[in-house]
Amino acid sequence: MTQEDDVPYPLDAAAVRSWCGLALEALGRERERIDAINVYPVADGDTGTNLYLTLESAARAVEAAFDGHTSAGTAPCLADAIGAMAHGALIGARGNSGTIVAQLLRGMTEVLAATDGSADALRRALRRAAASTYEAVAHPVEGTVLTVATAAADAAERAAAGAAGAAEVARAAHEGARTALQATPGQLAVLGRAGVVDAGGCGLVALLGALADALSGEVSVTPVAVRADAPLPEAAGCEVADGAVADGRGDPEGPAFEVIYLLEAGDAAVARLRTRLDGLGDSLVVVGGDGLWNVHVHVDDAGAAVEAGIEAGRPYRVRITHFGGASRTKEPAMTARAVVAVVPGAGLAGLCAEAGAMPVAVRPGEPPASGELVQAIRQAHAREVMLLPNDPDLRHTAAAAAEQARTEGVRVALIPTRAAVQGIAALAVHEPGRSFDEDVVAMTAAAGATRYAELAVAERQSWTMAGVCQAGDVLGLIDGDVVVIGSDLTRTAMTVLDRMLSAGGEMVTLVLGADAPGALAERLERHVRERHLAVDTVVYEGGQHAAPLLIGVE
């Protein structure tokens, strides 16, 4: 789109596609400035980046929708495009503000998907979007992105009352949001002390500006005003370093972890989940619907937050970020050492977080890319990092991530863990107080001394090292090879345990999958106690879906 295209465009699928592209460009320009003023709810300096990544996911989804229609020889409609944008934002939402923006887009979709994209439809969509953001946040606070969204809806109402077109309504919403953004320091004390406007509100202004540009044919690159008409930061008693503003709450008083996950669950279960998470921490935002939700919360007990999700439904894409001792400072302080571990289930993600590691939770068939592991290493904010892939197929991916992180000045050691139980063993001996090299040696030795097995269910007839299996058979794998084929999960697990313990062992670790029978752990513990004296057993709720049981023997 160029300046010569200074004519209104209809609010249709093409406009949504253009909106996504322009919004991504705008947030790309603004992300560092927005990061720098991020002082609420946690001054962790990533709001701009989180909003950018959220819109990047939305844009990918819209492009995929267009590609799908092109392949089918059809054209996408407004409902297809706006629905894809909202869904992409939901599954890719990052941080508090990204999650709220995902809900805002979902609110717009609820209205626009059933309309022809008229000015009145856009007015109603913006009103629904603003209302939906308040519904998603456990404890709404004025002077934030919520206030800016409401002001945008109010301005759209006034414009639509004057028989304006969709482009004029969008521009009015943008101007209303800009005006409201400048007033946020007077509504939220922490912003007033820092002399800045709300970071999330900045992102929304950029998003609405991109919508107005997409519909009007005008392209504006005017930066969003991030400073307020308030005392300078120095005069307000705040610290300024490297262009970032701290709000004076440097003490680690807030929760230690940010927990985010996608959740497949029904409305009733999510209602109970909201209540439970609200009692565990703050900054609670739950968005979505129709069985798929994005959950965001700040807590001290990351494991409890994930366990609450497991009780409500099926959590996946779990991301747990440790704020460290600087959760309330502008930039998280660099720590000496950290551990990043790839895990196959939500329960193991919580377990790793409790052990002080940063987990990267994955679903079956969705291995992390090297870029995702690099991002996890960066978010660890440590000079030295141990990376636990916990999967032989991730060896090269993890090695590439480690090499990239090293070029950025981080000392990374790749611990050769081939299974989650080896990762658990390595974490058990991790000791930040000793030297990095000694810690690497100890963790590597503990992982190498742990034999691993898993129980799986055959999906089809196939040849294995133990013979031919049929669909539905229970497979017992030791160190990656099928050694037992059975029909009963418990009996097959007992056989696998006996084989592993025949060579000796002191500790058995059982990690239960999401579909493991309720009495499985008790029966296996009793079997080990009766058949193998002086062998201890520890049980974890892993929550993984690929295998009903993981076994480790040390």
Protein backbone atom coordinates (compact mmCIF):
# COMPACT_ATOMS: atom_id res chain seq x y z
CA MET A 1 0.00 0.00 0.00
CA THR A 2 1.36 3.46 -0.91
CA GLN A 3 0.34 7.02 -0.40
CA GLU A 4 -1.25 7.01 -3.88
CA ASP A 5 -3.73 4.48 -2.56
CA ASP A 6 -5.33 7.15 -0.36
CA VAL A 7 -8.86 5.76 -0.72
CA PRO A 8 -11.02 3.80 1.71
CA TYR A 9 -11.02 0.02 1.54
CA PRO A 10 -13.82 -2.29 2.62
CA LEU A 11 -13.45 -4.29 5.81
CA ASP A 12 -13.05 -7.69 4.18
CA ALA A 13 -10.59 -10.58 4.21
CA ALA A 14 -8.01 -8.62 2.21
CA ALA A 15 -8.22 -5.76 4.70
CA VAL A 16 -7.62 -8.16 7.61
CA ARG A 17 -4.58 -9.52 5.81
CA SER A 18 -3.28 -6.00 5.25
CA TRP A 19 -4.05 -5.13 8.88
CA CYS A 20 -1.94 -8.05 10.10
CA GLY A 21 1.00 -7.04 7.94
CA LEU A 22 0.86 -3.38 8.93
CA ALA A 23 0.41 -4.23 12.62
CA LEU A 24 3.45 -6.50 12.54
CA GLU A 25 5.50 -3.75 10.90
CA ALA A 26 4.33 -1.18 13.44
CA LEU A 27 5.09 -3.40 16.43
CA GLY A 28 8.44 -4.27 14.90
CA ARG A 29 9.28 -0.57 14.87
CA GLU A 30 7.89 0.05 18.36
CA ARG A 31 8.89 -3.10 20.23
CA GLU A 32 12.12 -1.77 21.77
CA ARG A 33 10.51 1.50 22.84
CA ILE A 34 7.58 -0.38 24.37
CA ASP A 35 9.93 -2.82 26.11
CA ALA A 36 11.78 0.13 27.60
CA ILE A 37 8.70 1.60 29.34
CA ASN A 38 7.31 -1.70 30.61
CA VAL A 39 6.80 -1.07 34.35
CA TYR A 40 3.40 -2.73 34.95
CA PRO A 41 2.33 -5.33 36.05
CA VAL A 42 5.93 -6.57 36.18
CA ALA A 43 8.84 -4.46 35.02
CA ASP A 44 10.45 -7.24 32.98
CA GLY A 45 11.03 -5.25 29.79
CA ASP A 46 9.31 -7.56 27.30
CA THR A 47 5.82 -6.19 26.58
CA GLY A 48 6.76 -4.91 23.12
CA THR A 49 8.45 -8.17 22.21
CA ASN A 50 5.52 -10.22 23.52
CA LEU A 51 3.02 -8.19 21.50
CA TYR A 52 5.16 -8.54 18.39
CA LEU A 53 5.39 -12.33 18.78
CA THR A 54 1.63 -12.53 19.38
CA LEU A 55 0.87 -10.62 16.18
CA GLU A 56 3.48 -12.63 14.31
CA SER A 57 1.54 -15.79 15.18
CA ALA A 58 -1.70 -14.09 14.09
CA ALA A 59 -0.18 -13.03 10.77
CA ARG A 60 1.08 -16.56 10.09
CA ALA A 61 -2.40 -17.94 10.70
CA VAL A 62 -3.97 -15.46 8.30
CA GLU A 63 -1.44 -16.28 5.59
CA ALA A 64 -2.10 -19.99 6.11
CA ALA A 65 -5.84 -19.35 5.70
CA PHE A 66 -5.25 -17.52 2.42
CA ASP A 67 -2.91 -20.26 1.19
CA GLY A 68 -5.53 -22.89 2.01
CA HIS A 69 -8.20 -21.09 0.01
CA THR A 70 -5.82 -20.52 -2.89
CA SER A 71 -5.07 -24.23 -3.04
CA ALA A 72 -8.80 -24.96 -3.05
CA GLY A 73 -9.49 -22.36 -5.72
CA THR A 74 -11.68 -20.26 -3.43
CA ALA A 75 -11.46 -16.85 -1.81
CA PRO A 76 -11.50 -16.37 1.97
CA CYS A 77 -14.32 -14.35 3.47
CA LEU A 78 -14.12 -11.88 6.35
CA ALA A 79 -15.08 -14.58 8.86
CA ASP A 80 -12.25 -16.83 7.66
CA ALA A 81 -9.63 -14.11 7.90
CA ILE A 82 -10.60 -12.51 11.20
CA GLY A 83 -11.16 -15.96 12.72
CA ALA A 84 -7.67 -17.04 11.66
CA MET A 85 -6.18 -13.85 13.06
CA ALA A 86 -7.85 -14.35 16.43
CA HIS A 87 -6.94 -18.05 16.58
CA GLY A 88 -3.33 -17.37 15.63
CA ALA A 89 -3.07 -14.74 18.35
CA LEU A 90 -4.63 -17.12 20.89
CA ILE A 91 -2.20 -19.99 20.30
CA GLY A 92 0.80 -17.67 20.05
CA ALA A 93 -0.04 -15.17 22.80
CA ARG A 94 2.94 -14.12 24.90
CA GLY A 95 2.86 -12.38 28.24
CA ASN A 96 0.10 -10.49 29.95
CA SER A 97 -0.48 -7.93 27.18
CA GLY A 98 -0.27 -10.45 24.35
CA THR A 99 -2.89 -12.60 26.04
CA ILE A 100 -5.21 -9.62 26.45
CA VAL A 101 -4.78 -8.60 22.81
CA ALA A 102 -5.63 -12.17 21.79
CA GLN A 103 -8.90 -11.85 23.71
CA LEU A 104 -9.57 -8.47 22.15
CA LEU A 105 -9.26 -9.99 18.67
CA ARG A 106 -11.51 -12.85 19.69
CA GLY A 107 -14.11 -10.33 20.85
CA MET A 108 -13.96 -8.57 17.49
CA THR A 109 -14.32 -11.92 15.72
CA GLU A 110 -17.51 -12.74 17.63
CA VAL A 111 -19.15 -9.75 15.92
CA LEU A 112 -17.38 -9.42 12.55
CA ALA A 113 -17.61 -13.11 11.61
CA ALA A 114 -21.38 -12.75 11.16
CA THR A 115 -21.40 -9.38 9.34
CA ASP A 116 -20.48 -7.75 6.06
CA GLY A 117 -17.84 -5.53 7.66
CA SER A 118 -19.92 -2.36 7.80
CA ALA A 119 -19.06 0.68 9.91
CA ASP A 120 -21.73 -0.31 12.40
CA ALA A 121 -20.31 -3.83 12.59
CA LEU A 122 -16.86 -2.44 13.32
CA ARG A 123 -18.34 -0.20 16.02
CA ARG A 124 -20.01 -3.18 17.67
CA ALA A 125 -16.90 -5.30 17.26
CA LEU A 126 -14.73 -2.77 19.07
CA ARG A 127 -17.28 -2.51 21.88
CA ARG A 128 -17.38 -6.29 22.25
CA ALA A 129 -13.59 -6.41 22.16
CA ALA A 130 -13.28 -3.93 25.02
CA ALA A 131 -15.86 -5.77 27.12
CA SER A 132 -14.20 -9.14 26.50
CA THR A 133 -10.85 -7.91 27.81
CA TYR A 134 -12.43 -7.04 31.15
CA GLU A 135 -14.03 -10.49 31.27
CA ALA A 136 -10.65 -12.17 30.72
CA VAL A 137 -8.75 -10.38 33.49
CA ALA A 138 -9.32 -11.57 37.04
CA HIS A 139 -8.83 -8.13 38.61
CA PRO A 140 -9.15 -5.32 36.01
CA VAL A 141 -7.05 -2.22 36.63
CA GLU A 142 -7.68 1.17 35.05
CA GLY A 143 -4.85 3.03 33.37
CA THR A 144 -3.94 -0.07 31.37
CA VAL A 145 -4.69 -1.53 27.95
CA LEU A 146 -8.24 -2.20 29.20
CA THR A 147 -8.88 1.53 29.61
CA VAL A 148 -7.40 2.27 26.19
CA ALA A 149 -9.61 -0.37 24.55
CA THR A 150 -12.73 1.11 26.15
CA ALA A 151 -11.80 4.62 24.98
CA ALA A 152 -11.31 3.31 21.45
CA ALA A 153 -14.78 1.75 21.53
CA ASP A 154 -16.29 4.99 22.84
CA ALA A 155 -14.68 7.00 20.02
CA ALA A 156 -15.91 4.46 17.47
CA GLU A 157 -19.45 4.83 18.82
CA ARG A 158 -19.34 8.59 18.34
CA ALA A 159 -17.96 8.31 14.82
CA ALA A 160 -20.50 5.69 13.75
CA ALA A 161 -23.32 7.89 15.04
CA GLY A 162 -22.28 10.45 12.43
CA ALA A 163 -22.82 7.97 9.59
CA ALA A 164 -19.07 7.53 9.03
CA GLY A 165 -17.66 4.66 7.02
CA ALA A 166 -15.58 1.80 8.42
CA ALA A 167 -12.31 3.64 7.69
CA GLU A 168 -13.50 6.72 9.61
CA VAL A 169 -14.67 4.57 12.52
CA ALA A 170 -11.27 2.86 12.67
CA ARG A 171 -9.43 6.18 12.56
CA ALA A 172 -11.64 7.59 15.30
CA ALA A 173 -10.96 4.50 17.44
CA HIS A 174 -7.24 4.99 16.92
CA GLU A 175 -7.37 8.66 17.91
CA GLY A 176 -9.51 7.85 20.94
CA ALA A 177 -7.01 5.22 22.01
CA ARG A 178 -4.10 7.66 21.60
CA THR A 179 -5.80 10.24 23.76
CA ALA A 180 -6.64 7.67 26.44
CA LEU A 181 -3.07 6.35 26.40
CA GLN A 182 -1.70 9.76 27.34
CA ALA A 183 -4.03 9.85 30.34
CA THR A 184 -2.90 6.49 31.76
CA PRO A 185 -0.14 7.94 34.01
CA GLY A 186 -2.79 9.85 35.91
CA GLN A 187 -4.81 6.67 36.46
CA LEU A 188 -2.05 4.27 37.51
CA ALA A 189 0.44 5.55 40.07
CA VAL A 190 3.37 3.43 38.94
CA LEU A 191 3.14 4.99 35.46
CA GLY A 192 2.93 8.48 36.89
CA ARG A 193 6.05 7.94 39.00
CA ALA A 194 7.96 6.69 35.97
CA GLY A 195 6.67 9.42 33.65
CA VAL A 196 5.59 6.91 30.99
CA VAL A 197 2.34 5.63 29.54
CA ASP A 198 1.08 2.05 29.74
CA ALA A 199 3.17 -0.32 27.62
CA GLY A 200 0.27 -2.62 26.73
CA GLY A 201 -1.80 0.41 25.76
CA CYS A 202 1.02 1.51 23.45
CA GLY A 203 0.77 -1.81 21.65
CA LEU A 204 -2.99 -1.46 21.25
CA VAL A 205 -2.61 2.04 19.81
CA ALA A 206 -0.15 0.64 17.25
CA LEU A 207 -2.58 -2.17 16.43
CA LEU A 208 -5.53 0.19 15.94
CA GLY A 209 -3.39 2.57 13.90
CA ALA A 210 -2.56 -0.32 11.57
CA LEU A 211 -6.28 -1.11 11.21
CA ALA A 212 -7.04 2.51 10.33
CA ASP A 213 -4.22 2.51 7.78
CA ALA A 214 -5.42 -0.75 6.24
CA LEU A 215 -8.94 0.64 5.74
CA SER A 216 -8.07 4.21 4.77
CA GLY A 217 -5.21 3.59 2.40
CA GLU A 218 -3.01 5.95 4.43
CA VAL A 219 0.22 4.65 5.88
CA SER A 220 1.49 6.42 8.97
CA VAL A 221 4.83 5.73 10.61
CA THR A 222 4.42 8.26 13.42
CA PRO A 223 5.79 6.66 16.61
CA VAL A 224 3.41 6.07 19.48
CA ALA A 225 4.03 8.66 22.21
CA VAL A 226 5.47 6.72 25.15
CA ARG A 227 6.29 9.63 27.45
CA ALA A 228 3.62 11.38 29.44
CA ASP A 229 3.19 14.98 30.52
CA ALA A 230 4.48 14.08 33.97
CA PRO A 231 7.60 14.77 36.04
CA LEU A 232 10.80 13.38 34.61
CA PRO A 233 11.78 9.96 35.95
CA GLU A 234 14.67 11.45 37.94
CA ALA A 235 12.34 13.94 39.58
CA ALA A 236 9.89 11.18 40.47
CA GLY A 237 12.54 9.20 42.34
CA CYS A 238 12.91 6.50 39.67
CA GLU A 239 16.08 5.04 38.27
CA VAL A 240 16.92 5.36 34.59
CA ALA A 241 19.47 3.07 32.97
CA ASP A 242 20.15 2.43 29.28
CA GLY A 243 16.94 4.18 28.31
CA ALA A 244 14.79 1.97 30.52
CA VAL A 245 12.68 3.25 33.37
CA ALA A 246 12.37 1.39 36.65
CA ASP A 247 9.42 2.06 38.88
CA GLY A 248 11.24 1.78 42.18
CA ARG A 249 9.82 -1.66 43.05
CA GLY A 250 13.19 -3.38 42.84
CA ASP A 251 12.58 -5.71 45.77
CA PRO A 252 11.60 -9.23 44.74
CA GLU A 253 8.15 -8.97 46.28
CA GLY A 254 6.17 -10.31 43.34
CA PRO A 255 5.67 -13.94 42.28
CA ALA A 256 8.74 -15.77 41.04
CA PHE A 257 7.29 -17.36 37.89
CA GLU A 258 5.24 -16.47 34.83
CA VAL A 259 3.27 -19.53 33.71
CA ILE A 260 1.55 -19.67 30.32
CA TYR A 261 -0.09 -22.63 28.62
CA LEU A 262 -2.73 -23.56 26.10
CA LEU A 263 -5.54 -25.60 27.60
CA GLU A 264 -8.15 -27.88 26.10
CA ALA A 265 -11.06 -27.79 28.56
CA GLY A 266 -14.75 -27.07 28.94
CA ASP A 267 -16.26 -23.85 30.25
CA ALA A 268 -17.16 -25.26 33.67
CA ALA A 269 -13.65 -26.61 34.25
CA VAL A 270 -12.13 -23.28 33.22
CA ALA A 271 -14.38 -21.42 35.65
CA ARG A 272 -13.02 -23.60 38.48
CA LEU A 273 -9.49 -23.12 37.16
CA ARG A 274 -9.84 -19.34 37.30
CA THR A 275 -10.82 -19.52 40.96
CA ARG A 276 -7.93 -21.79 41.85
CA LEU A 277 -5.29 -19.80 39.95
CA ASP A 278 -6.60 -16.55 41.40
CA GLY A 279 -5.74 -17.92 44.82
CA LEU A 280 -2.24 -18.94 43.73
CA GLY A 281 -0.94 -15.68 42.26
CA ASP A 282 -1.71 -12.52 40.33
CA SER A 283 -1.82 -11.09 36.79
CA LEU A 284 -4.31 -13.83 35.94
CA VAL A 285 -5.67 -13.70 32.39
CA VAL A 286 -7.64 -16.58 30.86
CA VAL A 287 -8.78 -16.07 27.24
CA GLY A 288 -10.37 -18.20 24.57
CA GLY A 289 -13.44 -20.39 24.31
CA ASP A 290 -14.97 -23.27 22.36
CA GLY A 291 -12.73 -25.73 24.19
CA LEU A 292 -9.38 -23.95 23.67
CA TRP A 293 -7.95 -21.43 26.15
CA ASN A 294 -4.76 -19.51 26.77
CA VAL A 295 -3.89 -19.28 30.46
CA HIS A 296 -1.49 -16.69 31.89
CA VAL A 297 -0.63 -16.19 35.57
CA HIS A 298 2.23 -15.04 37.82
CA VAL A 299 2.83 -17.43 40.73
CA ASP A 300 5.43 -18.59 43.23
CA ASP A 301 4.44 -22.25 42.80
CA ALA A 302 4.71 -22.96 39.07
CA GLY A 303 4.04 -26.66 39.62
CA ALA A 304 0.72 -25.92 41.31
CA ALA A 305 -0.34 -23.67 38.43
CA VAL A 306 0.39 -26.42 35.92
CA GLU A 307 -1.27 -29.08 38.08
CA ALA A 308 -4.40 -26.93 38.17
CA GLY A 309 -4.40 -26.99 34.39
CA ILE A 310 -4.00 -30.76 34.33
CA GLU A 311 -7.02 -31.10 36.62
CA ALA A 312 -9.07 -28.81 34.37
CA GLY A 313 -8.18 -30.43 31.06
CA ARG A 314 -5.16 -30.94 28.80
CA PRO A 315 -2.51 -28.22 29.04
CA TYR A 316 0.23 -28.02 26.43
CA ARG A 317 2.80 -25.56 25.08
CA VAL A 318 3.65 -24.82 28.69
CA ARG A 319 6.04 -21.89 29.12
CA ILE A 320 7.44 -21.15 32.57
CA THR A 321 9.66 -18.10 32.97
CA HIS A 322 11.53 -17.50 36.20
CA PHE A 323 11.62 -13.82 37.08
CA GLY A 324 14.50 -14.46 39.47
CA GLY A 325 15.39 -12.02 42.19
CA ALA A 326 14.75 -9.12 39.83
CA SER A 327 11.11 -9.78 39.03
CA ARG A 328 10.26 -6.18 39.82
CA THR A 329 13.23 -4.54 38.14
CA LYS A 330 13.46 -3.22 34.62
CA GLU A 331 15.76 -5.93 33.34
CA PRO A 332 16.03 -9.36 34.99
CA ALA A 333 19.48 -9.59 36.54
CA MET A 334 21.94 -11.98 34.98
CA THR A 335 22.39 -15.06 37.15
CA ALA A 336 25.50 -17.21 37.22
CA ARG A 337 23.90 -20.45 36.02
CA ALA A 338 20.66 -21.91 34.78
CA VAL A 339 19.24 -25.15 33.38
CA VAL A 340 16.96 -25.36 30.33
CA ALA A 341 15.15 -28.68 29.91
CA VAL A 342 12.86 -29.98 27.16
CA VAL A 343 10.04 -32.04 28.69
CA PRO A 344 7.16 -34.03 27.14
CA GLY A 345 4.38 -33.11 29.57
CA ALA A 346 2.89 -30.33 31.64
CA GLY A 347 3.50 -32.15 34.92
CA LEU A 348 7.20 -32.52 34.17
CA ALA A 349 7.32 -28.83 33.25
CA GLY A 350 6.10 -27.96 36.72
CA LEU A 351 8.53 -30.41 38.29
CA CYS A 352 11.47 -28.90 36.41
CA ALA A 353 10.41 -25.38 37.35
CA GLU A 354 10.29 -26.36 41.03
CA ALA A 355 13.82 -27.72 40.65
CA GLY A 356 14.96 -24.34 39.36
CA ALA A 357 15.10 -25.22 35.64
CA MET A 358 13.41 -23.44 32.76
CA PRO A 359 11.21 -26.05 31.02
CA VAL A 360 10.29 -26.15 27.35
CA ALA A 361 7.19 -28.35 27.22
CA VAL A 362 6.36 -30.06 23.93
CA ARG A 363 3.53 -32.17 22.53
CA PRO A 364 3.90 -35.42 20.56
CA GLY A 365 4.89 -34.64 16.99
CA GLU A 366 5.66 -30.99 17.79
CA PRO A 367 9.40 -30.90 18.60
CA PRO A 368 10.84 -27.47 19.40
CA ALA A 369 12.85 -25.66 16.75
CA SER A 370 16.37 -24.52 17.56
CA GLY A 371 15.10 -20.93 17.69
CA GLU A 372 12.69 -21.83 20.48
CA LEU A 373 15.52 -23.35 22.49
CA VAL A 374 17.71 -20.29 21.86
CA GLN A 375 14.89 -18.08 23.14
CA ALA A 376 14.58 -20.22 26.27
CA ILE A 377 18.32 -19.88 26.87
CA ARG A 378 18.05 -16.11 26.51
CA GLN A 379 15.10 -15.94 28.89
CA ALA A 380 17.15 -17.81 31.50
CA HIS A 381 19.26 -14.63 31.82
CA ALA A 382 22.31 -16.63 32.86
CA ARG A 383 25.98 -16.49 31.91
CA GLU A 384 26.21 -20.30 32.00
CA VAL A 385 23.45 -22.68 30.90
CA MET A 386 23.04 -26.45 30.91
CA LEU A 387 20.74 -27.60 28.09
CA LEU A 388 18.90 -30.92 28.55
CA PRO A 389 17.23 -32.11 25.29
CA ASN A 390 15.81 -35.28 26.93
CA ASP A 391 15.24 -36.84 23.50
CA PRO A 392 17.76 -38.45 21.11
CA ASP A 393 15.96 -36.89 18.13
CA LEU A 394 16.66 -33.41 19.49
CA ARG A 395 20.42 -33.84 19.64
CA HIS A 396 21.17 -31.81 16.51
CA THR A 397 18.50 -29.20 17.24
CA ALA A 398 19.85 -28.68 20.74
CA ALA A 399 23.43 -28.53 19.46
CA ALA A 400 22.47 -25.82 16.96
CA ALA A 401 20.72 -23.82 19.70
CA ALA A 402 23.74 -24.14 21.98
CA GLU A 403 26.07 -22.95 19.25
CA GLN A 404 23.88 -19.94 18.50
CA ALA A 405 23.71 -19.01 22.19
CA ARG A 406 27.49 -19.26 22.46
CA THR A 407 27.87 -16.64 19.73
CA GLU A 408 25.78 -14.35 21.96
CA GLY A 409 28.20 -14.73 24.85
CA VAL A 410 26.44 -17.46 26.85
CA ARG A 411 28.46 -20.47 27.95
CA VAL A 412 26.28 -23.47 27.12
CA ALA A 413 26.88 -27.12 27.95
CA LEU A 414 24.75 -29.72 26.19
CA ILE A 415 23.99 -32.52 28.66
CA PRO A 416 23.41 -35.68 26.54
CA THR A 417 20.07 -36.71 28.08
CA ARG A 418 18.10 -39.05 25.84
CA ALA A 419 14.93 -39.29 27.96
CA ALA A 420 13.00 -37.24 30.49
CA VAL A 421 13.95 -39.58 33.34
CA GLN A 422 17.62 -38.96 32.57
CA GLY A 423 16.88 -35.25 32.76
CA ILE A 424 15.27 -35.75 36.18
CA ALA A 425 18.37 -37.63 37.35
CA ALA A 426 20.64 -34.86 36.08
CA LEU A 427 18.57 -32.17 37.80
CA ALA A 428 18.71 -34.12 41.07
CA VAL A 429 22.50 -33.68 41.26
CA HIS A 430 22.62 -30.14 39.85
CA GLU A 431 24.52 -27.92 42.28
CA PRO A 432 24.89 -24.21 41.34
CA GLY A 433 27.43 -23.72 44.12
CA ARG A 434 30.20 -25.76 42.50
CA SER A 435 32.15 -24.90 39.36
CA PHE A 436 30.40 -25.05 35.99
CA ASP A 437 32.64 -27.85 34.69
CA GLU A 438 32.18 -29.95 37.83
CA ASP A 439 28.42 -29.48 37.63
CA VAL A 440 28.37 -30.53 33.98
CA VAL A 441 30.37 -33.67 34.76
CA ALA A 442 28.09 -34.60 37.69
CA MET A 443 24.89 -34.06 35.69
CA THR A 444 26.24 -35.96 32.69
CA ALA A 445 27.31 -38.87 34.91
CA ALA A 446 23.90 -39.02 36.62
CA ALA A 447 22.11 -39.04 33.27
CA GLY A 448 24.43 -41.72 31.89
CA ALA A 449 23.88 -43.92 34.95
CA THR A 450 20.10 -43.90 34.42
CA ARG A 451 18.61 -46.53 32.15
CA TYR A 452 15.32 -45.45 30.63
CA ALA A 453 12.22 -47.19 29.37
CA GLU A 454 8.73 -46.30 28.29
CA LEU A 455 5.42 -48.03 27.73
CA ALA A 456 3.59 -47.18 24.51
CA VAL A 457 0.55 -48.43 22.63
CA ALA A 458 1.07 -49.63 19.05
CA GLU A 459 -0.89 -47.65 16.47
CA ARG A 460 -0.57 -50.24 13.70
CA GLN A 461 0.87 -53.64 12.87
CA SER A 462 4.64 -53.49 12.53
CA TRP A 463 7.89 -55.40 12.96
CA THR A 464 9.91 -54.83 16.13
CA MET A 465 12.99 -56.35 17.73
CA ALA A 466 10.63 -58.36 19.93
CA GLY A 467 8.54 -59.65 17.04
CA VAL A 468 5.40 -58.52 15.21
CA CYS A 469 3.01 -56.26 17.10
CA GLN A 470 -0.62 -55.51 16.31
CA ALA A 471 -2.50 -52.24 16.65
CA GLY A 472 -3.45 -51.80 20.32
CA ASP A 473 -0.62 -53.93 21.70
CA VAL A 474 1.35 -52.56 24.65
CA LEU A 475 5.02 -52.07 23.79
CA GLY A 476 7.77 -52.03 26.39
CA LEU A 477 10.85 -50.13 25.17
CA ILE A 478 14.19 -50.09 26.98
CA ASP A 479 16.78 -47.55 25.84
CA GLY A 480 14.66 -46.93 22.75
CA ASP A 481 14.27 -50.55 21.59
CA VAL A 482 11.10 -52.68 21.85
CA VAL A 483 11.86 -55.62 24.17
CA VAL A 484 8.37 -56.68 25.28
CA ILE A 485 5.02 -56.93 23.51
CA GLY A 486 2.00 -57.42 25.76
CA SER A 487 -1.72 -56.90 26.03
CA ASP A 488 -1.90 -55.43 29.54
CA LEU A 489 -0.16 -52.20 30.52
CA THR A 490 0.54 -53.12 34.14
CA ARG A 491 1.87 -56.61 33.43
CA THR A 492 4.03 -55.34 30.58
CA ALA A 493 5.43 -52.62 32.85
CA MET A 494 6.27 -55.24 35.49
CA THR A 495 8.15 -57.29 32.91
CA VAL A 496 10.10 -54.24 31.79
CA LEU A 497 10.98 -53.36 35.38
CA ASP A 498 12.18 -56.90 36.11
CA ARG A 499 14.43 -56.83 33.04
CA MET A 500 15.90 -53.47 33.95
CA LEU A 501 16.46 -54.38 37.62
CA SER A 502 18.03 -57.75 36.79
CA ALA A 503 21.27 -55.82 36.21
CA GLY A 504 20.89 -54.02 39.54
CA GLY A 505 19.57 -50.66 40.61
CA GLU A 506 18.90 -48.51 43.64
CA MET A 507 16.14 -46.15 42.51
CA VAL A 508 13.15 -46.52 40.20
CA THR A 509 11.48 -43.41 38.81
CA LEU A 510 7.96 -43.74 37.41
CA VAL A 511 6.49 -40.86 35.37
CA LEU A 512 2.77 -41.34 34.78
CA GLY A 513 1.22 -40.18 31.53
CA ALA A 514 -2.10 -38.40 31.15
CA ASP A 515 -3.89 -41.65 30.28
CA ALA A 516 -2.22 -43.93 32.82
CA PRO A 517 -4.66 -46.11 34.86
CA GLY A 518 -5.32 -44.82 38.36
CA ALA A 519 -3.89 -47.84 40.19
CA LEU A 520 -0.84 -48.29 37.98
CA ALA A 521 1.69 -46.55 40.24
CA GLU A 522 0.52 -48.35 43.39
CA ARG A 523 0.73 -51.79 41.75
CA LEU A 524 4.18 -51.12 40.30
CA GLU A 525 5.49 -49.76 43.62
CA ARG A 526 4.25 -52.89 45.37
CA HIS A 527 5.83 -55.09 42.70
CA VAL A 528 9.23 -53.44 43.12
CA ARG A 529 9.00 -53.61 46.91
CA GLU A 530 8.14 -57.32 46.88
CA ARG A 531 10.47 -58.49 44.11
CA HIS A 532 13.48 -56.20 44.43
CA LEU A 533 14.63 -55.54 47.98
CA ALA A 534 16.37 -52.26 48.90
CA VAL A 535 15.15 -50.54 45.72
CA ASP A 536 13.29 -47.26 46.28
CA THR A 537 10.53 -45.95 44.02
CA VAL A 538 9.51 -42.37 43.31
CA VAL A 539 6.42 -41.43 41.30
CA TYR A 540 5.69 -38.24 39.34
CA GLU A 541 2.58 -37.12 37.49
CA GLY A 542 4.09 -36.29 34.12
CA GLY A 543 0.96 -35.51 32.15
CA GLN A 544 2.54 -36.59 28.85
CA HIS A 545 0.22 -37.90 26.13
CA ALA A 546 2.63 -39.89 23.96
CA ALA A 547 3.43 -42.59 26.54
CA PRO A 548 1.31 -43.75 29.49
CA LEU A 549 4.46 -44.52 31.52
CA LEU A 550 8.12 -43.51 31.58
CA ILE A 551 10.58 -45.51 33.71
CA GLY A 552 14.05 -44.69 34.95
CA VAL A 553 16.41 -46.98 36.88
CA GLU A 554 19.49 -45.60 38.61
